[in-house]
Amino acid sequence: MKKYLNFFLCAITIALFSCSKEDNSVKEREVYLWGYTLSLPPDGKREPAFSTFLFFDGKYADKFTPKTYYAPENKHLADYLHNMPLDTVYKTLLKDEMLLLDDGTLVSPEYSFVDSHPVISGKPSTPKYLPPGDYFIVAFYGGGGWTQSDYKNKYACKRITITENEYVFLPITVVIPREYTVYGNITWINLADKYPESL
């Protein structure tokens, strides 16, 4: 009888542990990433684009100072930006998909996605599944070492918290403008945002 009682108690313990473990499991969030370009800011049409989204640990937002640069007033802006050396941070992002921190350390993203918008690829959007957490996102036009001169040398970044919600997907959009007066870090523009007065 004692033998059966011990077996019964063990079975209950295992069942309770399994339920507890299942209840505390982390559910990944369904995320969609869509990049756009804006050829004629501020009011031009926002076109679907080939873009890169890098998700770094959120703690690196405190160790990275985004820098924005402006083209000299006495230069022909288009020629200047087409022929200028690449910003060091941007160059590292584009070629190595790594973030150059203020102290010179290079860090890799937790997740990296190089995607064509479904309008370009002709394929349905592919969801990404990310665990809830604190992320520092850096996005730019192009990917895999390739970009286009009108949109090069620019990246946008922001810190977000992804929460657990298995019923609602999370859309993340970014617009990279063809803007010849500024390079380096630019303001993150969502698809629905008005064009900012200053990048």
Protein backbone atom coordinates (compact mmCIF):
# COMPACT_ATOMS: atom_id res chain seq x y z
CA MET A 1 0.00 0.00 0.00
CA LYS A 2 2.83 2.35 0.92
CA LYS A 3 4.48 1.57 -2.41
CA TYR A 4 1.35 2.63 -4.33
CA LEU A 5 0.95 5.75 -2.19
CA ASN A 6 4.52 6.85 -2.98
CA PHE A 7 3.94 6.25 -6.68
CA PHE A 8 0.72 8.29 -6.56
CA LEU A 9 2.44 11.21 -4.81
CA CYS A 10 5.29 11.18 -7.35
CA ALA A 11 2.81 11.24 -10.22
CA ILE A 12 1.01 14.26 -8.72
CA THR A 13 4.32 16.09 -8.21
CA ILE A 14 5.40 15.52 -11.82
CA ALA A 15 2.01 16.66 -13.12
CA LEU A 16 2.07 19.84 -11.03
CA PHE A 17 5.63 20.64 -12.13
CA SER A 18 4.72 20.11 -15.78
CA CYS A 19 1.72 22.43 -15.53
CA SER A 20 3.74 25.06 -13.71
CA LYS A 21 6.47 24.91 -16.34
CA GLU A 22 3.95 25.19 -19.15
CA ASP A 23 2.18 28.17 -17.55
CA ASN A 24 5.46 30.05 -17.16
CA SER A 25 6.72 29.38 -20.66
CA VAL A 26 7.66 32.40 -22.73
CA LYS A 27 5.59 32.86 -25.85
CA GLU A 28 7.36 34.47 -28.78
CA ARG A 29 5.76 37.53 -30.35
CA GLU A 30 4.82 37.50 -34.03
CA VAL A 31 6.58 40.46 -35.65
CA TYR A 32 6.40 41.86 -39.18
CA LEU A 33 9.16 44.11 -40.54
CA TRP A 34 8.53 46.49 -43.43
CA GLY A 35 11.00 49.02 -44.83
CA TYR A 36 10.26 51.95 -47.12
CA THR A 37 12.07 54.71 -48.98
CA LEU A 38 10.95 58.27 -49.60
CA SER A 39 12.39 59.65 -52.81
CA LEU A 40 10.91 63.14 -52.61
CA PRO A 41 10.67 64.28 -48.99
CA PRO A 42 8.68 65.49 -47.27
CA ASP A 43 5.47 64.67 -49.16
CA GLY A 44 6.53 62.14 -51.79
CA LYS A 45 5.24 58.61 -52.02
CA ARG A 46 6.69 56.10 -49.59
CA GLU A 47 7.84 53.10 -51.60
CA PRO A 48 8.37 49.53 -50.33
CA ALA A 49 12.08 48.77 -50.00
CA PHE A 50 14.78 46.18 -49.37
CA SER A 51 15.86 46.80 -45.76
CA THR A 52 17.87 45.46 -42.85
CA PHE A 53 16.65 45.32 -39.25
CA LEU A 54 19.17 44.48 -36.53
CA PHE A 55 17.90 43.70 -33.03
CA PHE A 56 20.56 44.30 -30.37
CA ASP A 57 20.24 43.76 -26.64
CA GLY A 58 18.51 46.84 -25.23
CA LYS A 59 21.38 47.52 -22.81
CA TYR A 60 23.54 48.70 -25.70
CA ALA A 61 21.32 51.74 -26.20
CA ASP A 62 23.04 53.23 -23.15
CA LYS A 63 26.49 52.52 -24.57
CA PHE A 64 25.93 53.95 -28.04
CA THR A 65 25.57 57.63 -28.92
CA PRO A 66 23.97 58.10 -32.36
CA LYS A 67 25.64 60.89 -34.32
CA THR A 68 24.09 62.96 -37.07
CA TYR A 69 26.17 64.82 -39.64
CA TYR A 70 25.23 67.62 -42.03
CA ALA A 71 26.68 68.31 -45.46
CA PRO A 72 28.66 71.54 -45.85
CA GLU A 73 26.59 74.39 -47.25
CA ASN A 74 29.13 75.26 -49.91
CA LYS A 75 29.09 71.79 -51.47
CA HIS A 76 26.84 70.37 -54.18
CA LEU A 77 24.93 68.09 -51.83
CA ALA A 78 24.19 65.20 -54.18
CA ASP A 79 27.82 64.94 -55.33
CA TYR A 80 29.06 65.35 -51.79
CA LEU A 81 27.00 62.51 -50.36
CA HIS A 82 27.57 60.20 -53.33
CA ASN A 83 31.36 60.49 -53.08
CA MET A 84 32.01 61.01 -49.38
CA PRO A 85 33.55 58.33 -47.15
CA LEU A 86 31.02 56.18 -45.31
CA ASP A 87 30.22 57.00 -41.70
CA THR A 88 32.15 54.50 -39.57
CA VAL A 89 29.09 53.26 -37.67
CA TYR A 90 27.06 52.89 -40.87
CA LYS A 91 29.90 51.10 -42.67
CA THR A 92 30.16 48.55 -39.87
CA LEU A 93 26.40 48.03 -39.84
CA LEU A 94 26.18 47.57 -43.61
CA LYS A 95 29.16 45.29 -44.10
CA ASP A 96 29.41 43.37 -40.83
CA GLU A 97 25.96 43.79 -39.23
CA MET A 98 27.67 44.88 -36.02
CA LEU A 99 27.22 47.95 -33.84
CA LEU A 100 30.23 50.10 -32.94
CA LEU A 101 29.79 51.26 -29.35
CA ASP A 102 31.20 54.47 -27.90
CA ASP A 103 34.16 52.64 -26.35
CA GLY A 104 35.13 51.03 -29.67
CA THR A 105 33.61 47.63 -28.89
CA LEU A 106 31.81 45.83 -31.69
CA VAL A 107 28.69 43.88 -30.74
CA SER A 108 26.56 41.49 -32.76
CA PRO A 109 22.77 41.61 -32.87
CA GLU A 110 20.57 39.10 -31.13
CA TYR A 111 18.58 38.84 -34.35
CA SER A 112 19.27 40.01 -37.89
CA PHE A 113 16.74 40.25 -40.71
CA VAL A 114 17.37 41.36 -44.30
CA ASP A 115 14.03 41.51 -46.03
CA SER A 116 12.42 42.57 -49.25
CA HIS A 117 8.99 44.11 -48.84
CA PRO A 118 6.34 41.71 -50.20
CA VAL A 119 5.47 44.22 -52.93
CA ILE A 120 9.05 43.83 -54.22
CA SER A 121 9.54 40.11 -53.64
CA GLY A 122 6.07 39.13 -54.83
CA LYS A 123 5.82 36.81 -51.85
CA PRO A 124 3.66 37.06 -48.72
CA SER A 125 5.17 38.74 -45.69
CA THR A 126 7.12 36.31 -43.55
CA PRO A 127 6.54 36.74 -39.82
CA LYS A 128 9.46 36.77 -37.39
CA TYR A 129 9.08 35.31 -33.93
CA LEU A 130 10.94 37.13 -31.17
CA PRO A 131 10.90 36.46 -27.43
CA PRO A 132 9.63 39.31 -25.24
CA GLY A 133 12.38 41.62 -24.10
CA ASP A 134 14.22 44.91 -24.35
CA TYR A 135 15.72 45.57 -27.79
CA PHE A 136 17.73 48.29 -29.48
CA ILE A 137 16.79 48.22 -33.18
CA VAL A 138 18.96 49.64 -35.95
CA ALA A 139 17.53 49.77 -39.47
CA PHE A 140 18.84 50.92 -42.82
CA TYR A 141 18.19 50.60 -46.53
CA GLY A 142 19.78 47.65 -48.33
CA GLY A 143 21.65 44.76 -46.80
CA GLY A 144 24.32 42.14 -47.25
CA GLY A 145 26.88 44.85 -48.02
CA TRP A 146 24.72 46.36 -50.76
CA THR A 147 22.88 49.66 -50.83
CA GLN A 148 21.90 52.44 -53.24
CA SER A 149 23.69 55.78 -53.34
CA ASP A 150 20.55 57.87 -52.80
CA TYR A 151 19.85 56.16 -49.48
CA LYS A 152 23.31 55.18 -48.27
CA ASN A 153 25.11 56.46 -45.19
CA LYS A 154 21.92 56.69 -43.13
CA TYR A 155 20.57 54.53 -40.36
CA ALA A 156 17.73 54.88 -37.86
CA CYS A 157 17.62 53.41 -34.38
CA LYS A 158 15.25 53.13 -31.44
CA ARG A 159 14.78 51.17 -28.25
CA ILE A 160 11.62 49.14 -27.84
CA THR A 161 10.14 46.61 -25.45
CA ILE A 162 8.47 43.62 -27.03
CA THR A 163 5.78 42.27 -24.75
CA GLU A 164 4.14 38.88 -24.77
CA ASN A 165 0.89 38.83 -26.73
CA GLU A 166 0.09 35.70 -28.66
CA TYR A 167 -3.05 37.16 -30.23
CA VAL A 168 -1.79 40.44 -31.73
CA PHE A 169 1.13 40.68 -34.15
CA LEU A 170 3.57 43.59 -33.93
CA PRO A 171 4.31 45.62 -37.08
CA ILE A 172 7.60 47.53 -37.20
CA THR A 173 8.09 49.95 -40.08
CA VAL A 174 10.85 52.38 -41.02
CA VAL A 175 11.17 54.99 -43.77
CA ILE A 176 14.60 55.99 -45.13
CA PRO A 177 14.40 59.27 -47.09
CA ARG A 178 16.51 60.39 -50.02
CA GLU A 179 17.89 63.36 -48.16
CA TYR A 180 21.20 64.85 -49.23
CA THR A 181 21.67 67.29 -46.35
CA VAL A 182 22.10 64.77 -43.57
CA TYR A 183 23.80 61.43 -42.98
CA GLY A 184 24.73 59.10 -40.11
CA ASN A 185 21.89 58.65 -37.64
CA ILE A 186 18.50 59.97 -38.72
CA THR A 187 15.16 60.17 -36.94
CA TRP A 188 13.21 56.90 -37.00
CA ILE A 189 10.19 57.52 -39.24
CA ASN A 190 7.32 55.04 -39.08
CA LEU A 191 5.20 54.54 -42.18
CA ALA A 192 2.26 56.48 -40.67
CA ASP A 193 4.40 59.31 -39.26
CA LYS A 194 4.50 62.83 -40.65
CA TYR A 195 7.86 63.83 -42.04
CA PRO A 196 9.86 65.38 -39.18
CA GLU A 197 10.97 68.99 -39.29
CA SER A 198 14.50 67.83 -38.57
CA LEU A 199 16.14 64.46 -39.16
